[in-house]
N, C-alpha and C. Protein backbone atom coordinates (compact mmCIF):
# COMPACT_ATOMS: atom_id res chain seq x y z
N UNK A 1 -33.28 -44.65 -18.46
CA UNK A 1 -32.27 -43.77 -17.98
C UNK A 1 -32.68 -42.33 -18.23
N UNK A 2 -32.65 -41.62 -17.19
CA UNK A 2 -33.04 -40.20 -17.28
C UNK A 2 -31.81 -39.34 -17.45
N UNK A 3 -31.97 -38.31 -18.28
CA UNK A 3 -30.87 -37.36 -18.46
C UNK A 3 -30.95 -36.32 -17.36
N UNK A 4 -29.82 -36.02 -16.87
CA UNK A 4 -29.74 -35.01 -15.83
C UNK A 4 -29.70 -33.63 -16.50
N UNK A 5 -30.59 -32.78 -16.09
CA UNK A 5 -30.63 -31.42 -16.65
C UNK A 5 -29.76 -30.52 -15.77
N UNK A 6 -28.83 -29.88 -16.45
CA UNK A 6 -27.92 -28.97 -15.74
C UNK A 6 -28.36 -27.55 -16.06
N UNK A 7 -28.62 -26.82 -15.03
CA UNK A 7 -29.03 -25.43 -15.18
C UNK A 7 -27.80 -24.54 -15.28
N UNK A 8 -27.76 -23.69 -16.31
CA UNK A 8 -26.65 -22.75 -16.43
C UNK A 8 -26.93 -21.53 -15.59
N UNK A 9 -25.93 -21.09 -14.88
CA UNK A 9 -26.08 -19.92 -14.02
C UNK A 9 -25.96 -18.65 -14.85
N UNK A 10 -26.85 -17.73 -14.65
CA UNK A 10 -26.79 -16.44 -15.36
C UNK A 10 -26.03 -15.40 -14.54
N UNK A 11 -25.65 -15.75 -13.35
CA UNK A 11 -24.90 -14.82 -12.51
C UNK A 11 -23.44 -14.79 -12.94
N UNK A 12 -22.89 -13.58 -12.99
CA UNK A 12 -21.48 -13.44 -13.35
C UNK A 12 -20.66 -13.55 -12.08
N UNK A 13 -19.51 -14.16 -12.18
CA UNK A 13 -18.68 -14.26 -10.98
C UNK A 13 -18.23 -12.87 -10.53
N UNK A 14 -17.94 -12.75 -9.24
CA UNK A 14 -17.51 -11.48 -8.65
C UNK A 14 -16.25 -10.97 -9.33
N UNK A 15 -15.35 -11.84 -9.70
CA UNK A 15 -14.10 -11.41 -10.32
C UNK A 15 -14.36 -10.72 -11.66
N UNK A 16 -15.38 -11.14 -12.38
CA UNK A 16 -15.73 -10.51 -13.66
C UNK A 16 -16.20 -9.07 -13.42
N UNK A 17 -17.08 -8.89 -12.44
CA UNK A 17 -17.57 -7.54 -12.11
C UNK A 17 -16.45 -6.65 -11.60
N UNK A 18 -15.57 -7.19 -10.79
CA UNK A 18 -14.44 -6.43 -10.27
C UNK A 18 -13.51 -6.00 -11.41
N UNK A 19 -13.28 -6.89 -12.36
CA UNK A 19 -12.45 -6.56 -13.53
C UNK A 19 -13.04 -5.42 -14.33
N UNK A 20 -14.35 -5.45 -14.55
CA UNK A 20 -15.02 -4.37 -15.29
C UNK A 20 -14.92 -3.05 -14.53
N UNK A 21 -15.11 -3.10 -13.23
CA UNK A 21 -15.01 -1.90 -12.40
C UNK A 21 -13.60 -1.30 -12.48
N UNK A 22 -12.58 -2.15 -12.37
CA UNK A 22 -11.20 -1.66 -12.45
C UNK A 22 -10.89 -1.06 -13.83
N UNK A 23 -11.44 -1.66 -14.87
CA UNK A 23 -11.24 -1.13 -16.22
C UNK A 23 -11.87 0.25 -16.36
N UNK A 24 -13.09 0.41 -15.89
CA UNK A 24 -13.77 1.71 -15.96
C UNK A 24 -13.02 2.75 -15.12
N UNK A 25 -12.58 2.39 -13.92
CA UNK A 25 -11.82 3.32 -13.08
C UNK A 25 -10.50 3.72 -13.74
N UNK A 26 -9.84 2.78 -14.41
CA UNK A 26 -8.58 3.09 -15.10
C UNK A 26 -8.80 4.08 -16.23
N UNK A 27 -9.88 3.90 -16.98
CA UNK A 27 -10.19 4.82 -18.09
C UNK A 27 -10.50 6.21 -17.54
N UNK A 28 -11.29 6.27 -16.46
CA UNK A 28 -11.60 7.56 -15.84
C UNK A 28 -10.34 8.25 -15.32
N UNK A 29 -9.46 7.49 -14.70
CA UNK A 29 -8.22 8.06 -14.18
C UNK A 29 -7.35 8.58 -15.32
N UNK A 30 -7.27 7.84 -16.42
CA UNK A 30 -6.50 8.26 -17.58
C UNK A 30 -6.99 9.62 -18.08
N UNK A 31 -8.31 9.76 -18.24
CA UNK A 31 -8.85 11.03 -18.74
C UNK A 31 -8.69 12.15 -17.72
N UNK A 32 -8.76 11.83 -16.44
CA UNK A 32 -8.55 12.85 -15.42
C UNK A 32 -7.12 13.38 -15.46
N UNK A 33 -6.17 12.47 -15.59
CA UNK A 33 -4.76 12.85 -15.61
C UNK A 33 -4.41 13.63 -16.87
N UNK A 34 -4.92 13.17 -18.00
CA UNK A 34 -4.53 13.77 -19.28
C UNK A 34 -5.52 14.81 -19.80
N UNK A 35 -6.54 15.14 -19.02
CA UNK A 35 -7.51 16.13 -19.45
C UNK A 35 -6.87 17.47 -19.85
N UNK A 36 -5.94 18.02 -19.05
CA UNK A 36 -5.34 19.30 -19.46
C UNK A 36 -4.64 19.22 -20.82
N UNK A 37 -3.96 18.13 -21.07
CA UNK A 37 -3.25 17.97 -22.35
C UNK A 37 -4.26 17.82 -23.48
N UNK A 38 -5.23 16.96 -23.27
CA UNK A 38 -6.25 16.70 -24.30
C UNK A 38 -7.02 17.98 -24.62
N UNK A 39 -7.45 18.69 -23.58
CA UNK A 39 -8.25 19.89 -23.82
C UNK A 39 -7.44 21.00 -24.49
N UNK A 40 -6.16 21.10 -24.18
CA UNK A 40 -5.32 22.13 -24.80
C UNK A 40 -5.20 21.90 -26.30
N UNK A 41 -5.10 20.64 -26.70
CA UNK A 41 -4.99 20.34 -28.13
C UNK A 41 -6.33 20.35 -28.84
N UNK A 42 -7.39 19.84 -28.20
CA UNK A 42 -8.70 19.79 -28.85
C UNK A 42 -9.45 21.12 -28.78
N UNK A 43 -9.30 21.83 -27.67
CA UNK A 43 -10.02 23.08 -27.47
C UNK A 43 -9.03 24.17 -27.05
N UNK A 44 -8.17 24.63 -27.98
CA UNK A 44 -7.16 25.62 -27.60
C UNK A 44 -7.82 26.89 -27.06
N UNK A 45 -7.19 27.49 -26.04
CA UNK A 45 -7.77 28.69 -25.45
C UNK A 45 -7.74 29.86 -26.44
N UNK A 46 -8.69 30.74 -26.29
CA UNK A 46 -8.71 31.97 -27.09
C UNK A 46 -7.75 32.96 -26.45
N UNK A 47 -6.98 33.63 -27.26
CA UNK A 47 -6.11 34.66 -26.71
C UNK A 47 -6.63 36.03 -27.15
N UNK A 48 -6.46 36.99 -26.28
CA UNK A 48 -6.94 38.35 -26.56
C UNK A 48 -5.89 39.10 -27.37
N UNK A 49 -6.34 40.11 -28.06
CA UNK A 49 -5.44 41.00 -28.78
C UNK A 49 -4.53 41.66 -27.76
N UNK A 50 -3.22 41.61 -27.98
CA UNK A 50 -2.27 42.12 -26.98
C UNK A 50 -2.45 43.61 -26.72
N UNK A 51 -2.91 44.36 -27.69
CA UNK A 51 -3.10 45.80 -27.51
C UNK A 51 -4.25 46.09 -26.54
N UNK A 52 -5.15 45.13 -26.36
CA UNK A 52 -6.31 45.33 -25.49
C UNK A 52 -6.07 44.87 -24.05
N UNK A 53 -4.97 44.21 -23.80
CA UNK A 53 -4.70 43.66 -22.46
C UNK A 53 -4.37 44.77 -21.47
N UNK A 54 -4.90 44.64 -20.29
CA UNK A 54 -4.59 45.58 -19.20
C UNK A 54 -3.72 44.85 -18.19
N UNK A 55 -2.58 45.40 -17.87
CA UNK A 55 -1.66 44.76 -16.94
C UNK A 55 -0.48 44.15 -17.67
N UNK A 56 0.26 43.34 -16.95
CA UNK A 56 1.47 42.70 -17.48
C UNK A 56 1.13 41.28 -17.92
N UNK A 57 1.46 40.95 -19.18
CA UNK A 57 1.11 39.66 -19.76
C UNK A 57 2.22 39.14 -20.65
N UNK A 58 2.26 37.83 -20.84
CA UNK A 58 3.05 37.20 -21.89
C UNK A 58 2.06 36.57 -22.84
N UNK A 59 2.33 36.71 -24.13
CA UNK A 59 1.50 36.10 -25.17
C UNK A 59 2.41 35.43 -26.17
N UNK A 60 2.09 34.17 -26.47
CA UNK A 60 2.84 33.42 -27.49
C UNK A 60 1.79 32.95 -28.49
N UNK A 61 1.59 33.73 -29.57
CA UNK A 61 0.49 33.46 -30.49
C UNK A 61 0.48 32.05 -31.10
N UNK A 62 1.62 31.54 -31.52
CA UNK A 62 1.64 30.25 -32.20
C UNK A 62 1.05 29.13 -31.35
N UNK A 63 1.32 29.13 -30.06
CA UNK A 63 0.83 28.05 -29.20
C UNK A 63 -0.39 28.47 -28.38
N UNK A 64 -0.93 29.65 -28.69
CA UNK A 64 -2.12 30.19 -28.00
C UNK A 64 -1.93 30.21 -26.49
N UNK A 65 -0.77 30.67 -26.07
CA UNK A 65 -0.47 30.82 -24.64
C UNK A 65 -0.55 32.29 -24.28
N UNK A 66 -1.30 32.57 -23.23
CA UNK A 66 -1.40 33.95 -22.75
C UNK A 66 -1.68 33.89 -21.25
N UNK A 67 -0.90 34.63 -20.48
CA UNK A 67 -1.07 34.58 -19.03
C UNK A 67 -0.53 35.86 -18.41
N UNK A 68 -1.05 36.20 -17.23
CA UNK A 68 -0.48 37.32 -16.49
C UNK A 68 0.99 37.04 -16.18
N UNK A 69 1.79 38.09 -16.17
CA UNK A 69 3.22 37.98 -15.90
C UNK A 69 3.50 38.66 -14.57
N UNK A 70 4.01 37.88 -13.61
CA UNK A 70 4.30 38.40 -12.28
C UNK A 70 5.82 38.56 -12.16
N UNK A 71 6.24 39.78 -11.85
CA UNK A 71 7.66 40.11 -11.87
C UNK A 71 8.33 39.88 -10.52
N UNK A 72 9.66 39.66 -10.59
CA UNK A 72 10.55 39.56 -9.44
C UNK A 72 10.17 38.45 -8.46
N UNK A 73 10.00 37.25 -9.01
CA UNK A 73 9.68 36.06 -8.21
C UNK A 73 10.97 35.32 -7.93
N UNK A 74 11.15 34.90 -6.69
CA UNK A 74 12.35 34.14 -6.30
C UNK A 74 12.30 32.74 -6.93
N UNK A 75 13.17 32.46 -7.92
CA UNK A 75 13.12 31.16 -8.59
C UNK A 75 13.77 30.03 -7.79
N UNK A 76 14.38 30.34 -6.67
CA UNK A 76 15.09 29.34 -5.87
C UNK A 76 14.26 28.84 -4.68
N UNK A 77 13.13 29.48 -4.41
CA UNK A 77 12.30 29.09 -3.27
C UNK A 77 10.97 28.54 -3.79
N UNK A 78 10.84 27.22 -3.76
CA UNK A 78 9.68 26.53 -4.33
C UNK A 78 8.37 27.00 -3.71
N UNK A 79 8.34 27.20 -2.41
CA UNK A 79 7.10 27.62 -1.76
C UNK A 79 6.63 28.99 -2.26
N UNK A 80 7.57 29.82 -2.68
CA UNK A 80 7.23 31.15 -3.20
C UNK A 80 6.72 31.04 -4.64
N UNK A 81 7.49 30.39 -5.51
CA UNK A 81 7.10 30.41 -6.91
C UNK A 81 5.90 29.51 -7.20
N UNK A 82 5.67 28.47 -6.39
CA UNK A 82 4.49 27.62 -6.62
C UNK A 82 3.20 28.41 -6.43
N UNK A 83 3.17 29.30 -5.45
CA UNK A 83 1.98 30.14 -5.24
C UNK A 83 1.78 31.09 -6.42
N UNK A 84 2.86 31.65 -6.91
CA UNK A 84 2.79 32.60 -8.02
C UNK A 84 2.32 31.91 -9.30
N UNK A 85 2.79 30.69 -9.54
CA UNK A 85 2.44 29.99 -10.78
C UNK A 85 0.96 29.60 -10.83
N UNK A 86 0.25 29.70 -9.72
CA UNK A 86 -1.20 29.50 -9.74
C UNK A 86 -1.91 30.73 -10.30
N UNK A 87 -1.20 31.86 -10.30
CA UNK A 87 -1.79 33.13 -10.75
C UNK A 87 -1.32 33.54 -12.14
N UNK A 88 -0.30 32.87 -12.67
CA UNK A 88 0.23 33.25 -13.98
C UNK A 88 1.61 32.69 -14.21
N UNK A 89 2.41 33.47 -14.89
CA UNK A 89 3.77 33.11 -15.29
C UNK A 89 4.73 33.98 -14.47
N UNK A 90 5.89 33.42 -14.11
CA UNK A 90 6.82 34.13 -13.23
C UNK A 90 8.04 34.65 -13.98
N UNK A 91 8.45 35.86 -13.61
CA UNK A 91 9.71 36.45 -14.07
C UNK A 91 10.69 36.28 -12.91
N UNK A 92 11.87 35.73 -13.20
CA UNK A 92 12.85 35.44 -12.15
C UNK A 92 13.50 36.71 -11.63
N UNK A 93 13.42 36.87 -10.32
CA UNK A 93 14.07 37.98 -9.62
C UNK A 93 15.57 37.96 -9.93
N UNK A 94 16.13 39.13 -10.17
CA UNK A 94 17.56 39.22 -10.45
C UNK A 94 17.89 39.21 -11.93
N UNK A 95 16.90 38.93 -12.79
CA UNK A 95 17.14 39.00 -14.23
C UNK A 95 16.51 40.30 -14.73
N UNK A 96 16.93 40.73 -15.91
CA UNK A 96 16.43 41.99 -16.46
C UNK A 96 14.92 41.94 -16.67
N UNK A 97 14.28 43.07 -16.53
CA UNK A 97 12.86 43.17 -16.85
C UNK A 97 12.73 43.38 -18.36
N UNK A 98 11.68 42.86 -18.97
CA UNK A 98 11.50 43.09 -20.41
C UNK A 98 11.54 44.58 -20.73
N UNK A 99 12.28 44.90 -21.78
CA UNK A 99 12.45 46.30 -22.18
C UNK A 99 13.67 46.95 -21.58
N UNK A 100 14.30 46.30 -20.60
CA UNK A 100 15.52 46.82 -20.00
C UNK A 100 16.73 46.09 -20.59
N UNK A 101 17.90 46.66 -20.38
CA UNK A 101 19.12 46.04 -20.87
C UNK A 101 19.39 44.75 -20.10
N UNK A 102 19.71 43.68 -20.82
CA UNK A 102 20.00 42.40 -20.20
C UNK A 102 19.02 41.33 -20.64
N UNK A 103 19.11 40.19 -19.97
CA UNK A 103 18.29 39.03 -20.34
C UNK A 103 17.23 38.77 -19.27
N UNK A 104 15.99 38.62 -19.71
CA UNK A 104 14.87 38.28 -18.82
C UNK A 104 14.70 36.77 -18.80
N UNK A 105 14.33 36.25 -17.65
CA UNK A 105 14.08 34.82 -17.49
C UNK A 105 12.65 34.64 -16.98
N UNK A 106 11.84 33.91 -17.77
CA UNK A 106 10.43 33.71 -17.44
C UNK A 106 10.15 32.22 -17.40
N UNK A 107 9.38 31.77 -16.39
CA UNK A 107 9.11 30.34 -16.27
C UNK A 107 7.67 30.07 -15.85
N UNK A 108 7.18 28.86 -16.25
CA UNK A 108 5.82 28.43 -15.90
C UNK A 108 5.71 26.93 -16.10
N UNK A 109 4.55 26.40 -15.72
CA UNK A 109 4.29 24.96 -15.83
C UNK A 109 4.01 24.53 -17.26
N UNK A 110 4.37 23.27 -17.56
CA UNK A 110 3.90 22.63 -18.79
C UNK A 110 2.72 21.73 -18.46
N UNK A 111 2.62 21.34 -17.20
CA UNK A 111 1.49 20.53 -16.72
C UNK A 111 1.45 20.69 -15.21
N UNK A 112 0.46 20.10 -14.62
CA UNK A 112 0.34 20.21 -13.18
C UNK A 112 -0.43 19.04 -12.61
N UNK A 113 -0.69 19.12 -11.35
CA UNK A 113 -1.45 18.09 -10.66
C UNK A 113 -2.86 18.05 -11.25
N UNK A 114 -3.28 16.90 -11.82
CA UNK A 114 -4.60 16.85 -12.45
C UNK A 114 -5.75 17.07 -11.48
N UNK A 115 -5.51 16.86 -10.20
CA UNK A 115 -6.56 17.08 -9.21
C UNK A 115 -6.66 18.56 -8.84
N UNK A 116 -5.72 19.34 -9.31
CA UNK A 116 -5.69 20.77 -9.02
C UNK A 116 -5.73 21.53 -10.34
N UNK A 117 -6.89 21.54 -10.96
CA UNK A 117 -7.04 22.21 -12.25
C UNK A 117 -7.12 23.72 -12.02
N UNK A 118 -6.08 24.41 -12.44
CA UNK A 118 -6.07 25.87 -12.34
C UNK A 118 -5.78 26.43 -13.73
N UNK A 119 -6.05 27.69 -13.91
CA UNK A 119 -5.94 28.30 -15.24
C UNK A 119 -4.54 28.21 -15.85
N UNK A 120 -3.53 28.26 -15.04
CA UNK A 120 -2.18 28.43 -15.60
C UNK A 120 -1.26 27.23 -15.39
N UNK A 121 -1.79 26.08 -14.97
CA UNK A 121 -0.88 24.96 -14.74
C UNK A 121 -0.46 24.24 -16.02
N UNK A 122 -0.99 24.65 -17.17
CA UNK A 122 -0.55 24.09 -18.45
C UNK A 122 -0.23 25.18 -19.47
N UNK A 123 0.04 26.38 -19.02
CA UNK A 123 0.20 27.51 -19.94
C UNK A 123 1.35 27.29 -20.93
N UNK A 124 2.41 26.62 -20.52
CA UNK A 124 3.53 26.37 -21.43
C UNK A 124 3.56 24.93 -21.93
N UNK A 125 2.42 24.27 -21.93
CA UNK A 125 2.32 22.89 -22.39
C UNK A 125 2.89 22.70 -23.79
N UNK A 126 2.62 23.63 -24.70
CA UNK A 126 3.03 23.49 -26.10
C UNK A 126 4.29 24.30 -26.42
N UNK A 127 5.04 24.69 -25.41
CA UNK A 127 6.25 25.49 -25.64
C UNK A 127 7.23 24.79 -26.59
N UNK A 128 7.28 23.48 -26.52
CA UNK A 128 8.16 22.71 -27.40
C UNK A 128 7.80 22.82 -28.87
N UNK A 129 6.60 23.29 -29.19
CA UNK A 129 6.17 23.45 -30.59
C UNK A 129 6.75 24.71 -31.24
N UNK A 130 7.34 25.59 -30.43
CA UNK A 130 7.91 26.82 -31.00
C UNK A 130 9.11 26.50 -31.87
N UNK A 131 9.27 27.30 -32.92
CA UNK A 131 10.39 27.15 -33.84
C UNK A 131 11.10 28.49 -33.99
N UNK A 132 12.30 28.44 -34.53
CA UNK A 132 13.05 29.68 -34.78
C UNK A 132 12.22 30.59 -35.67
N UNK A 133 12.12 31.85 -35.24
CA UNK A 133 11.34 32.84 -35.98
C UNK A 133 9.97 33.11 -35.39
N UNK A 134 9.49 32.25 -34.50
CA UNK A 134 8.18 32.48 -33.87
C UNK A 134 8.27 33.67 -32.91
N UNK A 135 7.12 34.27 -32.64
CA UNK A 135 7.07 35.50 -31.87
C UNK A 135 6.59 35.27 -30.44
N UNK A 136 7.19 36.03 -29.51
CA UNK A 136 6.76 36.08 -28.11
C UNK A 136 6.55 37.56 -27.79
N UNK A 137 5.40 37.87 -27.19
CA UNK A 137 5.07 39.26 -26.88
C UNK A 137 4.94 39.43 -25.37
N UNK A 138 5.49 40.52 -24.86
CA UNK A 138 5.40 40.84 -23.45
C UNK A 138 4.73 42.21 -23.32
N UNK A 139 3.64 42.29 -22.55
CA UNK A 139 3.02 43.56 -22.18
C UNK A 139 3.56 43.93 -20.81
N UNK A 140 4.18 45.08 -20.73
CA UNK A 140 4.70 45.55 -19.44
C UNK A 140 4.54 47.06 -19.37
N UNK A 141 3.87 47.53 -18.33
CA UNK A 141 3.67 48.97 -18.12
C UNK A 141 3.11 49.67 -19.36
N UNK A 142 2.16 49.03 -20.02
CA UNK A 142 1.51 49.64 -21.18
C UNK A 142 2.31 49.56 -22.47
N UNK A 143 3.49 48.98 -22.44
CA UNK A 143 4.34 48.81 -23.63
C UNK A 143 4.28 47.36 -24.10
N UNK A 144 4.40 47.15 -25.40
CA UNK A 144 4.47 45.80 -25.95
C UNK A 144 5.89 45.58 -26.45
N UNK A 145 6.54 44.55 -25.90
CA UNK A 145 7.90 44.19 -26.31
C UNK A 145 7.80 42.91 -27.13
N UNK A 146 8.43 42.95 -28.30
CA UNK A 146 8.36 41.81 -29.23
C UNK A 146 9.71 41.10 -29.27
N UNK A 147 9.63 39.76 -29.21
CA UNK A 147 10.83 38.93 -29.26
C UNK A 147 10.63 37.86 -30.33
N UNK A 148 11.75 37.44 -30.91
CA UNK A 148 11.73 36.38 -31.92
C UNK A 148 12.56 35.20 -31.40
N UNK A 149 11.99 34.01 -31.49
CA UNK A 149 12.68 32.80 -31.03
C UNK A 149 13.93 32.57 -31.88
N UNK A 150 15.05 32.34 -31.20
CA UNK A 150 16.33 32.11 -31.88
C UNK A 150 16.89 30.72 -31.64
N UNK A 151 16.44 30.07 -30.55
CA UNK A 151 17.04 28.78 -30.19
C UNK A 151 16.17 28.07 -29.16
N UNK A 152 16.24 26.72 -29.17
CA UNK A 152 15.62 25.90 -28.12
C UNK A 152 16.68 24.95 -27.60
N UNK A 153 16.56 24.64 -26.31
CA UNK A 153 17.55 23.77 -25.70
C UNK A 153 16.88 23.01 -24.55
N UNK A 154 17.27 21.75 -24.37
CA UNK A 154 16.78 20.97 -23.23
C UNK A 154 17.98 20.70 -22.33
N UNK A 155 17.82 21.05 -21.03
CA UNK A 155 18.93 20.94 -20.08
C UNK A 155 18.43 20.27 -18.79
N UNK A 156 19.39 19.85 -17.97
CA UNK A 156 19.05 19.33 -16.64
C UNK A 156 18.79 20.52 -15.71
N UNK A 157 18.00 20.31 -14.66
CA UNK A 157 17.65 21.42 -13.76
C UNK A 157 18.85 22.11 -13.12
N UNK A 158 19.96 21.40 -12.92
CA UNK A 158 21.12 22.02 -12.27
C UNK A 158 22.01 22.79 -13.24
N UNK A 159 21.69 22.78 -14.52
CA UNK A 159 22.45 23.55 -15.51
C UNK A 159 21.91 24.98 -15.53
N UNK A 160 22.66 25.89 -14.94
CA UNK A 160 22.18 27.28 -14.86
C UNK A 160 23.14 28.26 -15.52
N UNK A 161 24.14 27.76 -16.20
CA UNK A 161 25.13 28.65 -16.82
C UNK A 161 24.50 29.56 -17.87
N UNK A 162 23.42 29.14 -18.48
CA UNK A 162 22.75 29.96 -19.49
C UNK A 162 22.21 31.26 -18.89
N UNK A 163 22.00 31.29 -17.58
CA UNK A 163 21.52 32.52 -16.93
C UNK A 163 22.61 33.58 -16.84
N UNK A 164 23.86 33.15 -16.90
CA UNK A 164 24.98 34.08 -16.75
C UNK A 164 25.49 34.62 -18.08
N UNK A 165 24.84 34.23 -19.18
CA UNK A 165 25.27 34.67 -20.50
C UNK A 165 24.84 36.13 -20.69
N UNK A 166 25.79 36.94 -21.11
CA UNK A 166 25.48 38.34 -21.37
C UNK A 166 24.66 38.46 -22.65
N UNK A 167 24.01 39.56 -22.77
CA UNK A 167 23.25 39.82 -23.99
C UNK A 167 21.84 40.25 -23.69
N UNK A 168 21.14 40.58 -24.73
CA UNK A 168 19.76 41.04 -24.64
C UNK A 168 18.84 39.87 -24.94
N UNK A 169 17.64 39.96 -24.43
CA UNK A 169 16.65 38.99 -24.84
C UNK A 169 15.88 38.36 -23.71
N UNK A 170 15.39 37.18 -24.01
CA UNK A 170 14.43 36.51 -23.17
C UNK A 170 14.72 35.01 -23.17
N UNK A 171 14.60 34.40 -22.00
CA UNK A 171 14.63 32.95 -21.90
C UNK A 171 13.30 32.55 -21.27
N UNK A 172 12.58 31.66 -21.93
CA UNK A 172 11.32 31.14 -21.42
C UNK A 172 11.55 29.67 -21.10
N UNK A 173 11.16 29.26 -19.89
CA UNK A 173 11.45 27.90 -19.43
C UNK A 173 10.21 27.18 -18.93
N UNK A 174 10.18 25.86 -19.15
CA UNK A 174 9.18 24.99 -18.56
C UNK A 174 9.80 23.63 -18.32
N UNK A 175 9.11 22.78 -17.57
CA UNK A 175 9.61 21.43 -17.30
C UNK A 175 9.43 20.55 -18.53
N UNK A 176 10.34 19.57 -18.65
CA UNK A 176 10.34 18.70 -19.82
C UNK A 176 10.82 17.32 -19.43
N UNK A 177 10.28 16.26 -19.96
CA UNK A 177 9.08 16.14 -20.77
C UNK A 177 7.84 16.55 -20.00
N UNK A 178 6.78 16.81 -20.75
CA UNK A 178 5.52 17.26 -20.15
C UNK A 178 5.11 16.29 -19.05
N UNK A 179 4.71 16.85 -17.92
CA UNK A 179 4.24 16.03 -16.80
C UNK A 179 5.33 15.56 -15.87
N UNK A 180 6.58 15.98 -16.14
CA UNK A 180 7.70 15.59 -15.28
C UNK A 180 8.47 16.84 -14.89
N UNK A 181 9.43 16.68 -14.01
CA UNK A 181 10.36 17.77 -13.72
C UNK A 181 11.78 17.28 -13.93
N UNK A 182 11.93 16.29 -14.82
CA UNK A 182 13.22 15.67 -15.09
C UNK A 182 14.22 16.63 -15.73
N UNK A 183 13.78 17.39 -16.73
CA UNK A 183 14.64 18.34 -17.43
C UNK A 183 13.89 19.65 -17.61
N UNK A 184 14.57 20.60 -18.25
CA UNK A 184 13.97 21.90 -18.53
C UNK A 184 14.08 22.20 -20.02
N UNK A 185 13.00 22.69 -20.58
CA UNK A 185 13.00 23.16 -21.96
C UNK A 185 13.20 24.67 -21.91
N UNK A 186 14.20 25.15 -22.61
CA UNK A 186 14.50 26.58 -22.66
C UNK A 186 14.26 27.08 -24.08
N UNK A 187 13.57 28.19 -24.18
CA UNK A 187 13.37 28.86 -25.47
C UNK A 187 14.03 30.23 -25.35
N UNK A 188 14.99 30.49 -26.23
CA UNK A 188 15.71 31.76 -26.23
C UNK A 188 15.09 32.65 -27.31
N UNK A 189 14.92 33.93 -27.01
CA UNK A 189 14.34 34.86 -27.96
C UNK A 189 15.08 36.20 -27.88
N UNK A 190 15.22 36.81 -29.04
CA UNK A 190 15.91 38.11 -29.14
C UNK A 190 14.89 39.21 -29.38
N UNK A 191 15.17 40.41 -28.87
CA UNK A 191 14.23 41.52 -29.12
C UNK A 191 14.18 41.87 -30.60
N UNK A 192 13.00 42.27 -31.05
CA UNK A 192 12.85 42.66 -32.46
C UNK A 192 13.23 44.10 -32.65
């Protein structure tokens, strides 16, 4: 009686190769989507000394956020403010300008489309890390205006009553949670 020799195949089934390919693509997609968040925490941007900046800027030292500040942007027209947010941070038209009597309203992205990596689509990514007493600096017309954080609040997008509150200061806003537009994170600051 002869034993039958069975040859083992060294070829991997197609489903095995397809599974590996899908796993590699998933990992690549994960890093593509979360690259702005990862890079902001691992390689925080350098911020310039506010006294050396030319033009209008917002600087938040604690979270290493610094961006050009574009004034009088219509906050109700998405097609308008989306273009502006590619160039920096927006000041809402109809609110006080920094240094003037009243309350200024400033807004920017916490994240953006990962396929559209631009300089300012994550400028307010770490805004939630601010605490009472932290500093926000605004350069406007060669003047530096200093503000101190007094409060943080998370609201729904349709809650706008905070814009009608009298008083001096600054409200800085971004979308919350990061990567969504479900709610808004508001940081209130008073002039120093």
